Amino acid sequence: YCGCVGPLAYDLAIALSAWGFDSSGAALPDAIEAFRRGYESVRPLTRVEAAALPRLGVSAAVRFTLTRLHDRIFHD
């Protein structure tokens, strides 16, 4: 419900976080690269976006961890 309303590179970082790691948390470099290539075939990242992508990925991971933790603690 919040997708595509802010920096689009943040949406990409969220998708890479969801699809670019296995169940143990290990990165899947081939999957990340393929997903990013596919994304950029439609909408290339600017240099600034590309440089910010790792930090956006960290922000995405923190955001989802905190919201899931909140839901776990404050469920009804």
N, C-alpha and C. Protein backbone atom coordinates (compact mmCIF):
# COMPACT_ATOMS: atom_id res chain seq x y z
N TYR A 1 0.80 -1.20 0.00
CA TYR A 1 0.00 0.00 0.00
C TYR A 1 0.84 1.26 0.00
N CYS A 2 2.12 1.15 0.24
CA CYS A 2 2.98 2.33 0.23
C CYS A 2 3.94 2.33 -0.95
N GLY A 3 3.88 1.30 -1.79
CA GLY A 3 4.79 1.20 -2.92
C GLY A 3 4.59 2.33 -3.92
N CYS A 4 5.65 2.72 -4.53
CA CYS A 4 5.64 3.72 -5.61
C CYS A 4 5.20 5.10 -5.16
N VAL A 5 5.30 5.40 -3.89
CA VAL A 5 4.94 6.74 -3.42
C VAL A 5 6.15 7.51 -2.91
N GLY A 6 7.30 6.89 -2.95
CA GLY A 6 8.53 7.53 -2.51
C GLY A 6 9.62 7.21 -3.50
N PRO A 7 10.85 7.20 -3.05
CA PRO A 7 11.95 6.86 -3.95
C PRO A 7 11.76 5.45 -4.53
N LEU A 8 11.72 5.35 -5.84
CA LEU A 8 11.48 4.06 -6.48
C LEU A 8 12.61 3.07 -6.21
N ALA A 9 13.81 3.56 -5.99
CA ALA A 9 14.93 2.67 -5.68
C ALA A 9 14.69 1.96 -4.34
N TYR A 10 13.93 2.59 -3.45
CA TYR A 10 13.59 1.94 -2.18
C TYR A 10 12.70 0.73 -2.43
N ASP A 11 11.75 0.85 -3.35
CA ASP A 11 10.92 -0.30 -3.72
C ASP A 11 11.78 -1.43 -4.27
N LEU A 12 12.77 -1.09 -5.07
CA LEU A 12 13.69 -2.11 -5.60
C LEU A 12 14.46 -2.76 -4.45
N ALA A 13 14.93 -1.97 -3.50
CA ALA A 13 15.66 -2.52 -2.36
C ALA A 13 14.80 -3.50 -1.57
N ILE A 14 13.52 -3.18 -1.40
CA ILE A 14 12.60 -4.08 -0.70
C ILE A 14 12.46 -5.39 -1.46
N ALA A 15 12.28 -5.29 -2.77
CA ALA A 15 12.14 -6.50 -3.59
C ALA A 15 13.40 -7.34 -3.55
N LEU A 16 14.56 -6.71 -3.62
CA LEU A 16 15.82 -7.46 -3.56
C LEU A 16 15.98 -8.13 -2.20
N SER A 17 15.54 -7.47 -1.15
CA SER A 17 15.60 -8.07 0.19
C SER A 17 14.71 -9.30 0.28
N ALA A 18 13.58 -9.26 -0.40
CA ALA A 18 12.63 -10.37 -0.36
C ALA A 18 13.07 -11.54 -1.24
N TRP A 19 13.64 -11.25 -2.38
CA TRP A 19 13.92 -12.29 -3.37
C TRP A 19 15.41 -12.62 -3.53
N GLY A 20 16.28 -11.86 -2.88
CA GLY A 20 17.70 -12.03 -3.11
C GLY A 20 18.46 -12.80 -2.05
N PHE A 21 17.72 -13.45 -1.14
CA PHE A 21 18.37 -14.19 -0.05
C PHE A 21 17.67 -15.52 0.14
N ASP A 22 18.42 -16.53 0.57
CA ASP A 22 17.80 -17.83 0.81
C ASP A 22 17.22 -17.87 2.23
N SER A 23 16.65 -19.01 2.59
CA SER A 23 15.95 -19.11 3.88
C SER A 23 16.88 -19.00 5.08
N SER A 24 18.18 -19.18 4.87
CA SER A 24 19.12 -19.01 5.99
C SER A 24 19.69 -17.60 6.04
N GLY A 25 19.29 -16.75 5.10
CA GLY A 25 19.77 -15.37 5.09
C GLY A 25 20.99 -15.12 4.23
N ALA A 26 21.45 -16.16 3.53
CA ALA A 26 22.61 -15.99 2.65
C ALA A 26 22.18 -15.32 1.34
N ALA A 27 22.99 -14.36 0.92
CA ALA A 27 22.70 -13.66 -0.33
C ALA A 27 22.79 -14.61 -1.52
N LEU A 28 21.92 -14.35 -2.50
CA LEU A 28 21.93 -15.09 -3.76
C LEU A 28 22.34 -14.10 -4.85
N PRO A 29 23.66 -13.93 -5.05
CA PRO A 29 24.15 -12.90 -5.97
C PRO A 29 23.58 -13.00 -7.38
N ASP A 30 23.42 -14.22 -7.89
CA ASP A 30 22.87 -14.37 -9.24
C ASP A 30 21.43 -13.89 -9.30
N ALA A 31 20.64 -14.20 -8.28
CA ALA A 31 19.25 -13.76 -8.24
C ALA A 31 19.16 -12.24 -8.11
N ILE A 32 20.01 -11.67 -7.26
CA ILE A 32 20.01 -10.21 -7.08
C ILE A 32 20.38 -9.53 -8.39
N GLU A 33 21.41 -10.01 -9.05
CA GLU A 33 21.86 -9.41 -10.30
C GLU A 33 20.80 -9.55 -11.39
N ALA A 34 20.19 -10.72 -11.50
CA ALA A 34 19.15 -10.93 -12.52
C ALA A 34 17.94 -10.03 -12.27
N PHE A 35 17.53 -9.93 -11.01
CA PHE A 35 16.38 -9.08 -10.67
C PHE A 35 16.70 -7.62 -11.00
N ARG A 36 17.89 -7.20 -10.62
CA ARG A 36 18.27 -5.81 -10.88
C ARG A 36 18.38 -5.53 -12.38
N ARG A 37 18.95 -6.45 -13.12
CA ARG A 37 19.03 -6.27 -14.58
C ARG A 37 17.64 -6.15 -15.19
N GLY A 38 16.73 -7.01 -14.74
CA GLY A 38 15.36 -6.95 -15.23
C GLY A 38 14.71 -5.62 -14.91
N TYR A 39 14.89 -5.15 -13.69
CA TYR A 39 14.34 -3.86 -13.28
C TYR A 39 14.90 -2.75 -14.16
N GLU A 40 16.22 -2.76 -14.30
CA GLU A 40 16.87 -1.68 -15.05
C GLU A 40 16.63 -1.76 -16.54
N SER A 41 16.13 -2.89 -17.04
CA SER A 41 15.78 -2.94 -18.45
C SER A 41 14.54 -2.10 -18.74
N VAL A 42 13.77 -1.81 -17.69
CA VAL A 42 12.57 -0.99 -17.81
C VAL A 42 12.84 0.42 -17.30
N ARG A 43 13.52 0.51 -16.16
CA ARG A 43 13.80 1.80 -15.53
C ARG A 43 15.21 1.81 -14.97
N PRO A 44 16.19 2.31 -15.75
CA PRO A 44 17.57 2.34 -15.25
C PRO A 44 17.70 3.21 -14.00
N LEU A 45 18.53 2.76 -13.07
CA LEU A 45 18.83 3.55 -11.89
C LEU A 45 19.77 4.69 -12.25
N THR A 46 19.60 5.81 -11.56
CA THR A 46 20.58 6.88 -11.68
C THR A 46 21.83 6.48 -10.91
N ARG A 47 22.91 7.19 -11.10
CA ARG A 47 24.13 6.90 -10.33
C ARG A 47 23.87 7.07 -8.84
N VAL A 48 23.11 8.08 -8.47
CA VAL A 48 22.81 8.33 -7.06
C VAL A 48 21.99 7.17 -6.48
N GLU A 49 20.99 6.71 -7.22
CA GLU A 49 20.17 5.59 -6.76
C GLU A 49 21.01 4.32 -6.62
N ALA A 50 21.85 4.05 -7.59
CA ALA A 50 22.68 2.85 -7.55
C ALA A 50 23.61 2.90 -6.34
N ALA A 51 24.18 4.06 -6.06
CA ALA A 51 25.07 4.20 -4.91
C ALA A 51 24.31 4.04 -3.59
N ALA A 52 23.06 4.47 -3.57
CA ALA A 52 22.25 4.40 -2.35
C ALA A 52 21.62 3.04 -2.12
N LEU A 53 21.60 2.18 -3.12
CA LEU A 53 20.88 0.91 -3.03
C LEU A 53 21.27 0.06 -1.82
N PRO A 54 22.55 -0.11 -1.50
CA PRO A 54 22.88 -0.91 -0.31
C PRO A 54 22.31 -0.31 0.98
N ARG A 55 22.38 0.99 1.13
CA ARG A 55 21.85 1.64 2.33
C ARG A 55 20.32 1.55 2.36
N LEU A 56 19.69 1.65 1.19
CA LEU A 56 18.24 1.49 1.12
C LEU A 56 17.84 0.07 1.51
N GLY A 57 18.66 -0.91 1.13
CA GLY A 57 18.40 -2.30 1.52
C GLY A 57 18.46 -2.49 3.03
N VAL A 58 19.43 -1.86 3.67
CA VAL A 58 19.52 -1.92 5.13
C VAL A 58 18.29 -1.27 5.75
N SER A 59 17.90 -0.11 5.23
CA SER A 59 16.71 0.58 5.74
C SER A 59 15.46 -0.29 5.58
N ALA A 60 15.34 -0.95 4.44
CA ALA A 60 14.19 -1.83 4.21
C ALA A 60 14.17 -2.98 5.21
N ALA A 61 15.33 -3.58 5.44
CA ALA A 61 15.41 -4.70 6.38
C ALA A 61 15.04 -4.25 7.79
N VAL A 62 15.53 -3.11 8.21
CA VAL A 62 15.21 -2.58 9.54
C VAL A 62 13.72 -2.28 9.64
N ARG A 63 13.18 -1.65 8.62
CA ARG A 63 11.75 -1.32 8.63
C ARG A 63 10.89 -2.57 8.80
N PHE A 64 11.14 -3.58 7.99
CA PHE A 64 10.32 -4.78 8.06
C PHE A 64 10.55 -5.55 9.34
N THR A 65 11.78 -5.57 9.85
CA THR A 65 12.05 -6.23 11.13
C THR A 65 11.27 -5.56 12.25
N LEU A 66 11.31 -4.23 12.29
CA LEU A 66 10.62 -3.51 13.36
C LEU A 66 9.11 -3.64 13.27
N THR A 67 8.55 -3.58 12.07
CA THR A 67 7.09 -3.71 11.96
C THR A 67 6.65 -5.12 12.32
N ARG A 68 7.42 -6.14 11.94
CA ARG A 68 7.06 -7.51 12.31
C ARG A 68 7.21 -7.72 13.82
N LEU A 69 8.24 -7.13 14.40
CA LEU A 69 8.43 -7.22 15.84
C LEU A 69 7.27 -6.53 16.57
N HIS A 70 6.89 -5.37 16.12
CA HIS A 70 5.76 -4.66 16.71
C HIS A 70 4.50 -5.52 16.63
N ASP A 71 4.23 -6.11 15.48
CA ASP A 71 3.05 -6.95 15.33
C ASP A 71 3.11 -8.18 16.23
N ARG A 72 4.29 -8.71 16.41
CA ARG A 72 4.47 -9.90 17.27
C ARG A 72 4.20 -9.54 18.73
N ILE A 73 4.70 -8.40 19.16
CA ILE A 73 4.54 -8.00 20.55
C ILE A 73 3.12 -7.53 20.86
N PHE A 74 2.55 -6.78 19.93
CA PHE A 74 1.25 -6.12 20.18
C PHE A 74 0.10 -6.75 19.44
N HIS A 75 0.15 -8.05 19.21
CA HIS A 75 -0.97 -8.72 18.51
C HIS A 75 -2.14 -8.89 19.48
N ASP A 76 -3.33 -9.06 18.89
CA ASP A 76 -4.49 -9.26 19.77
C ASP A 76 -4.93 -10.71 19.82
